């Protein structure tokens, strides 16, 4: 599915997430008769290790029910991206790293001329800059490379006017405090960092269609509410953590087939 069929819209204004998402809520049409593929079939998928009780409950789902994770990855639905923005961005070479990281980055020839002594071993986990590590090793600063520390956190809203459904998601390049990347400049570091970005954290749902049931399924069976009905509302509703994990896992598994997410995020980084 190409981006012509599924256009991506980026918000370039500086209003807050709350303001722009409220605007989206008001702008979603109340066209509940629009045809969608999500109500043409029962799309719930059950893993073989789930309980018989949960399986029986899933069999009772109305075929017209929209299942959240399945709908979000349905490439026949015209999903659009709204308010893709960055909330935190760190791109620097100035943060310290444990001495062992600096030592491991050295060429083998330099390691041979500067072997690890008991004094150096004692400093292995001590955070320091590349310049401080060079001083400790008594070598030129030019022999040690300073990696770029990259950490970007952002959010976006993906929405379907036909379904009257909007979902706010969060994304980042790494689950660690920062990602260390050895490149010449910051631009190349950002490019490398976002070759494998990921969704994470909370998931908020805005659903305004009171004519069709929207449901979330906890496929891991980690909650007392494996089947969660999301009521129509004028406000965003935060998913239970286990249901958010199911949505994120499904999005990550199918991300290669959903290029509008990648396009929106990379455009925002530029």
Protein backbone atom coordinates (compact mmCIF):
# COMPACT_ATOMS: atom_id res chain seq x y z
CA UNK A 1 0.00 0.00 0.00
CA UNK A 2 1.53 3.29 -0.99
CA UNK A 3 1.34 6.70 0.60
CA UNK A 4 -0.97 7.98 -2.13
CA UNK A 5 -3.67 5.68 -0.91
CA UNK A 6 -2.81 6.43 2.72
CA UNK A 7 -1.78 10.12 2.85
CA UNK A 8 0.33 11.35 5.70
CA UNK A 9 -0.42 14.72 7.25
CA UNK A 10 2.04 16.39 9.60
CA UNK A 11 1.16 19.21 11.96
CA UNK A 12 3.68 22.05 11.75
CA UNK A 13 2.07 24.25 14.38
CA UNK A 14 3.40 24.78 17.87
CA UNK A 15 0.23 24.16 19.82
CA UNK A 16 0.29 21.60 22.58
CA UNK A 17 -0.61 17.93 22.08
CA UNK A 18 -3.77 18.48 24.11
CA UNK A 19 -4.89 21.43 21.98
CA UNK A 20 -4.23 19.82 18.62
CA UNK A 21 -5.71 16.48 19.64
CA UNK A 22 -8.81 18.28 20.93
CA UNK A 23 -9.07 19.99 17.56
CA UNK A 24 -8.83 16.60 15.89
CA UNK A 25 -11.59 15.29 18.14
CA UNK A 26 -13.88 18.09 17.00
CA UNK A 27 -12.93 17.65 13.36
CA UNK A 28 -13.67 13.91 13.18
CA UNK A 29 -16.90 13.57 11.22
CA UNK A 30 -19.83 11.71 12.73
CA UNK A 31 -20.15 9.66 9.54
CA UNK A 32 -20.80 6.28 11.11
CA UNK A 33 -22.25 4.83 7.90
CA UNK A 34 -18.96 5.00 6.00
CA UNK A 35 -17.88 1.53 4.81
CA UNK A 36 -14.71 0.06 6.29
CA UNK A 37 -12.93 -3.24 6.03
CA UNK A 38 -12.72 -3.57 9.82
CA UNK A 39 -16.39 -4.57 10.10
CA UNK A 40 -16.42 -7.03 7.21
CA UNK A 41 -15.01 -9.93 9.18
CA UNK A 42 -14.09 -11.12 12.63
CA UNK A 43 -10.42 -10.25 12.97
CA UNK A 44 -9.56 -11.50 16.46
CA UNK A 45 -6.61 -13.88 16.47
CA UNK A 46 -6.00 -16.13 19.45
CA UNK A 47 -2.71 -17.76 20.37
CA UNK A 48 -2.77 -21.48 21.10
CA UNK A 49 -1.65 -21.11 24.72
CA UNK A 50 -4.54 -18.92 25.86
CA UNK A 51 -7.12 -20.30 28.25
CA UNK A 52 -10.28 -22.06 27.06
CA UNK A 53 -12.32 -19.41 28.81
CA UNK A 54 -10.67 -16.63 26.85
CA UNK A 55 -11.06 -18.60 23.61
CA UNK A 56 -14.76 -19.05 24.29
CA UNK A 57 -15.13 -15.34 24.99
CA UNK A 58 -13.39 -14.45 21.75
CA UNK A 59 -15.76 -16.66 19.81
CA UNK A 60 -18.60 -14.52 21.15
CA UNK A 61 -17.23 -11.31 19.60
CA UNK A 62 -19.66 -9.87 17.08
CA UNK A 63 -18.21 -10.03 13.55
CA UNK A 64 -19.00 -6.31 13.19
CA UNK A 65 -16.79 -5.43 16.15
CA UNK A 66 -13.67 -3.37 15.45
CA UNK A 67 -10.63 -4.95 17.12
CA UNK A 68 -8.18 -2.15 17.86
CA UNK A 69 -4.80 -3.78 17.15
CA UNK A 70 -6.08 -5.44 13.99
CA UNK A 71 -7.68 -2.26 12.68
CA UNK A 72 -4.49 -0.23 13.27
CA UNK A 73 -2.52 -2.61 11.05
CA UNK A 74 -5.19 -2.99 8.37
CA UNK A 75 -3.64 -1.49 5.23
CA UNK A 76 -7.05 -1.16 3.52
CA UNK A 77 -8.11 1.53 6.01
CA UNK A 78 -7.14 5.10 5.09
CA UNK A 79 -5.07 5.99 8.13
CA UNK A 80 -3.62 9.49 8.42
CA UNK A 81 -0.94 10.92 10.70
CA UNK A 82 -1.65 14.00 12.79
CA UNK A 83 0.51 16.00 15.20
CA UNK A 84 3.74 14.04 14.85
CA UNK A 85 6.11 15.88 17.17
CA UNK A 86 9.28 15.59 19.25
CA UNK A 87 9.01 15.98 23.02
CA UNK A 88 12.64 15.25 23.95
CA UNK A 89 15.81 15.31 21.87
CA UNK A 90 19.40 14.65 22.90
CA UNK A 91 22.19 14.62 20.30
CA UNK A 92 25.58 15.30 21.88
CA UNK A 93 29.14 14.04 22.19
CA UNK A 94 29.63 15.51 25.64
CA UNK A 95 28.08 12.81 27.82
CA UNK A 96 30.42 10.47 29.72
CA UNK A 97 30.71 6.73 29.17
CA UNK A 98 32.29 4.00 31.33
CA UNK A 99 36.02 3.77 30.65
CA UNK A 100 35.63 0.27 29.18
CA UNK A 101 33.59 1.69 26.26
CA UNK A 102 36.39 4.11 25.40
CA UNK A 103 39.05 1.42 25.71
CA UNK A 104 37.11 -1.03 23.53
CA UNK A 105 36.87 1.59 20.77
CA UNK A 106 40.68 1.78 20.46
CA UNK A 107 42.52 0.15 17.56
CA UNK A 108 44.12 -3.18 18.46
CA UNK A 109 47.59 -1.74 17.81
CA UNK A 110 47.03 0.94 20.45
CA UNK A 111 45.67 -1.62 22.91
CA UNK A 112 48.88 -3.63 22.50
CA UNK A 113 51.03 -0.63 23.34
CA UNK A 114 48.71 0.37 26.18
CA UNK A 115 47.67 -2.89 27.86
CA UNK A 116 45.28 -2.95 30.76
CA UNK A 117 47.02 -2.51 34.06
CA UNK A 118 45.43 -3.06 37.48
CA UNK A 119 45.00 0.71 37.74
CA UNK A 120 43.13 0.85 34.41
CA UNK A 121 41.01 -2.20 35.29
CA UNK A 122 39.93 -0.45 38.47
CA UNK A 123 38.55 2.38 36.31
CA UNK A 124 36.59 0.15 33.91
CA UNK A 125 33.13 1.23 35.09
CA UNK A 126 34.03 4.83 35.89
CA UNK A 127 32.09 7.29 33.66
CA UNK A 128 34.30 9.73 31.79
CA UNK A 129 34.61 11.67 28.56
CA UNK A 130 36.82 10.56 25.70
CA UNK A 131 39.30 13.30 26.59
CA UNK A 132 39.48 12.07 30.20
CA UNK A 133 39.99 8.50 29.01
CA UNK A 134 42.80 9.65 26.72
CA UNK A 135 44.47 11.37 29.67
CA UNK A 136 44.12 8.22 31.77
CA UNK A 137 45.74 6.16 28.99
CA UNK A 138 48.34 8.86 28.30
CA UNK A 139 47.50 8.97 24.61
CA UNK A 140 46.49 11.74 22.22
CA UNK A 141 42.84 12.78 22.20
CA UNK A 142 42.77 12.11 18.46
CA UNK A 143 43.20 8.38 19.08
CA UNK A 144 39.86 8.14 20.86
CA UNK A 145 36.54 8.77 19.11
CA UNK A 146 33.68 10.39 20.97
CA UNK A 147 30.40 8.71 20.07
CA UNK A 148 27.21 10.66 19.53
CA UNK A 149 24.67 10.11 22.28
CA UNK A 150 21.24 10.05 20.66
CA UNK A 151 17.88 9.90 22.40
CA UNK A 152 14.70 11.19 20.79
CA UNK A 153 11.20 10.73 22.16
CA UNK A 154 8.11 11.77 20.26
CA UNK A 155 4.42 11.16 19.80
CA UNK A 156 1.91 11.07 16.98
CA UNK A 157 -1.78 10.54 16.41
CA UNK A 158 -2.96 8.12 13.76
CA UNK A 159 -6.60 8.51 12.81
CA UNK A 160 -9.34 7.27 10.51
CA UNK A 161 -12.28 9.52 9.73
CA UNK A 162 -14.26 6.54 8.45
CA UNK A 163 -13.90 4.66 11.75
CA UNK A 164 -14.15 7.83 13.86
CA UNK A 165 -11.05 6.51 15.64
CA UNK A 166 -7.82 8.23 16.69
CA UNK A 167 -4.94 6.61 18.59
CA UNK A 168 -2.08 8.51 20.23
CA UNK A 169 1.23 6.60 20.22
CA UNK A 170 4.75 7.30 21.46
CA UNK A 171 8.02 6.50 19.69
CA UNK A 172 11.76 6.57 20.34
CA UNK A 173 15.05 5.37 18.88
CA UNK A 174 16.06 3.42 21.98
CA UNK A 175 14.81 2.12 25.30
CA UNK A 176 18.18 2.95 26.87
CA UNK A 177 19.16 6.28 28.39
CA UNK A 178 20.91 7.13 25.11
CA UNK A 179 22.12 5.25 22.05
CA UNK A 180 25.86 5.58 21.35
CA UNK A 181 26.71 5.92 17.66
CA UNK A 182 30.18 6.41 16.16
CA UNK A 183 29.77 8.68 13.13
CA UNK A 184 31.47 11.84 11.91
CA UNK A 185 28.53 14.20 12.35
CA UNK A 186 25.20 14.52 14.14
CA UNK A 187 23.13 14.11 10.98
CA UNK A 188 24.64 10.70 10.24
CA UNK A 189 24.12 9.73 13.89
CA UNK A 190 20.42 10.57 13.69
CA UNK A 191 20.06 8.60 10.47
CA UNK A 192 21.70 5.57 12.05
CA UNK A 193 19.69 5.90 15.25
CA UNK A 194 16.36 5.77 13.46
CA UNK A 195 17.00 2.79 11.26
CA UNK A 196 15.29 0.77 13.98
CA UNK A 197 13.01 3.12 15.94
CA UNK A 198 10.24 1.67 18.11
CA UNK A 199 6.85 2.37 19.65
CA UNK A 200 6.69 2.37 23.45
CA UNK A 201 4.73 3.49 26.48
CA UNK A 202 1.11 4.43 26.89
CA UNK A 203 -1.59 4.24 24.23
CA UNK A 204 -4.55 6.63 24.24
CA UNK A 205 -7.71 6.06 22.22
CA UNK A 206 -10.29 8.58 21.02
CA UNK A 207 -13.40 6.88 19.65
CA UNK A 208 -16.52 8.79 18.60
CA UNK A 209 -18.54 6.10 16.81
CA UNK A 210 -21.41 5.00 19.05
CA UNK A 211 -22.89 2.80 16.32
CA UNK A 212 -20.14 0.18 16.25
CA UNK A 213 -18.32 -1.59 19.09
CA UNK A 214 -14.57 -1.05 19.50
CA UNK A 215 -12.71 -3.70 21.48
CA UNK A 216 -9.15 -4.39 22.58
CA UNK A 217 -7.85 -7.92 23.17
CA UNK A 218 -5.07 -8.74 25.62
CA UNK A 219 -3.47 -11.53 23.60
CA UNK A 220 -0.93 -12.25 26.33
CA UNK A 221 -3.64 -13.02 28.89
CA UNK A 222 -1.96 -10.85 31.51
CA UNK A 223 -5.06 -9.06 32.76
CA UNK A 224 -8.40 -9.82 34.35
CA UNK A 225 -9.96 -7.98 31.41
CA UNK A 226 -8.72 -9.89 28.33
CA UNK A 227 -11.56 -8.36 26.32
CA UNK A 228 -11.87 -4.62 26.80
CA UNK A 229 -14.72 -2.65 25.27
CA UNK A 230 -13.75 0.95 24.50
CA UNK A 231 -16.81 3.14 24.81
CA UNK A 232 -17.46 6.04 22.46
CA UNK A 233 -16.29 9.27 24.07
CA UNK A 234 -15.38 12.86 23.26
CA UNK A 235 -12.12 12.46 25.20
CA UNK A 236 -9.03 10.27 24.94
CA UNK A 237 -9.03 7.11 27.05
CA UNK A 238 -5.79 5.49 28.22
CA UNK A 239 -5.57 1.77 27.51
CA UNK A 240 -4.69 -0.63 30.29
CA UNK A 241 -0.96 -1.40 30.19
CA UNK A 242 -1.40 -5.01 29.03
CA UNK A 243 -3.67 -3.92 26.18
CA UNK A 244 -1.22 -1.19 25.19
CA UNK A 245 1.51 -3.84 24.99
CA UNK A 246 -0.67 -5.91 22.66
CA UNK A 247 -1.24 -2.91 20.38
CA UNK A 248 2.47 -2.01 20.36
CA UNK A 249 3.54 -5.61 19.69
CA UNK A 250 1.15 -5.81 16.73
CA UNK A 251 2.36 -2.48 15.32
CA UNK A 252 6.01 -3.50 15.69
CA UNK A 253 5.39 -6.87 14.02
CA UNK A 254 3.66 -5.23 11.03
CA UNK A 255 5.68 -1.98 10.92
CA UNK A 256 7.31 -2.76 7.58
CA UNK A 257 3.83 -2.87 6.01
CA UNK A 258 2.86 0.49 7.57
CA UNK A 259 5.29 2.97 5.95
CA UNK A 260 3.26 6.06 6.86
CA UNK A 261 4.58 5.86 10.43
CA UNK A 262 8.20 5.76 9.27
CA UNK A 263 7.66 8.58 6.78
CA UNK A 264 6.01 10.87 9.35
CA UNK A 265 8.72 10.32 11.98
CA UNK A 266 11.66 10.75 9.60
CA UNK A 267 10.15 13.93 8.17
CA UNK A 268 9.75 15.32 11.67
CA UNK A 269 13.42 14.60 12.45
CA UNK A 270 14.68 16.60 9.48
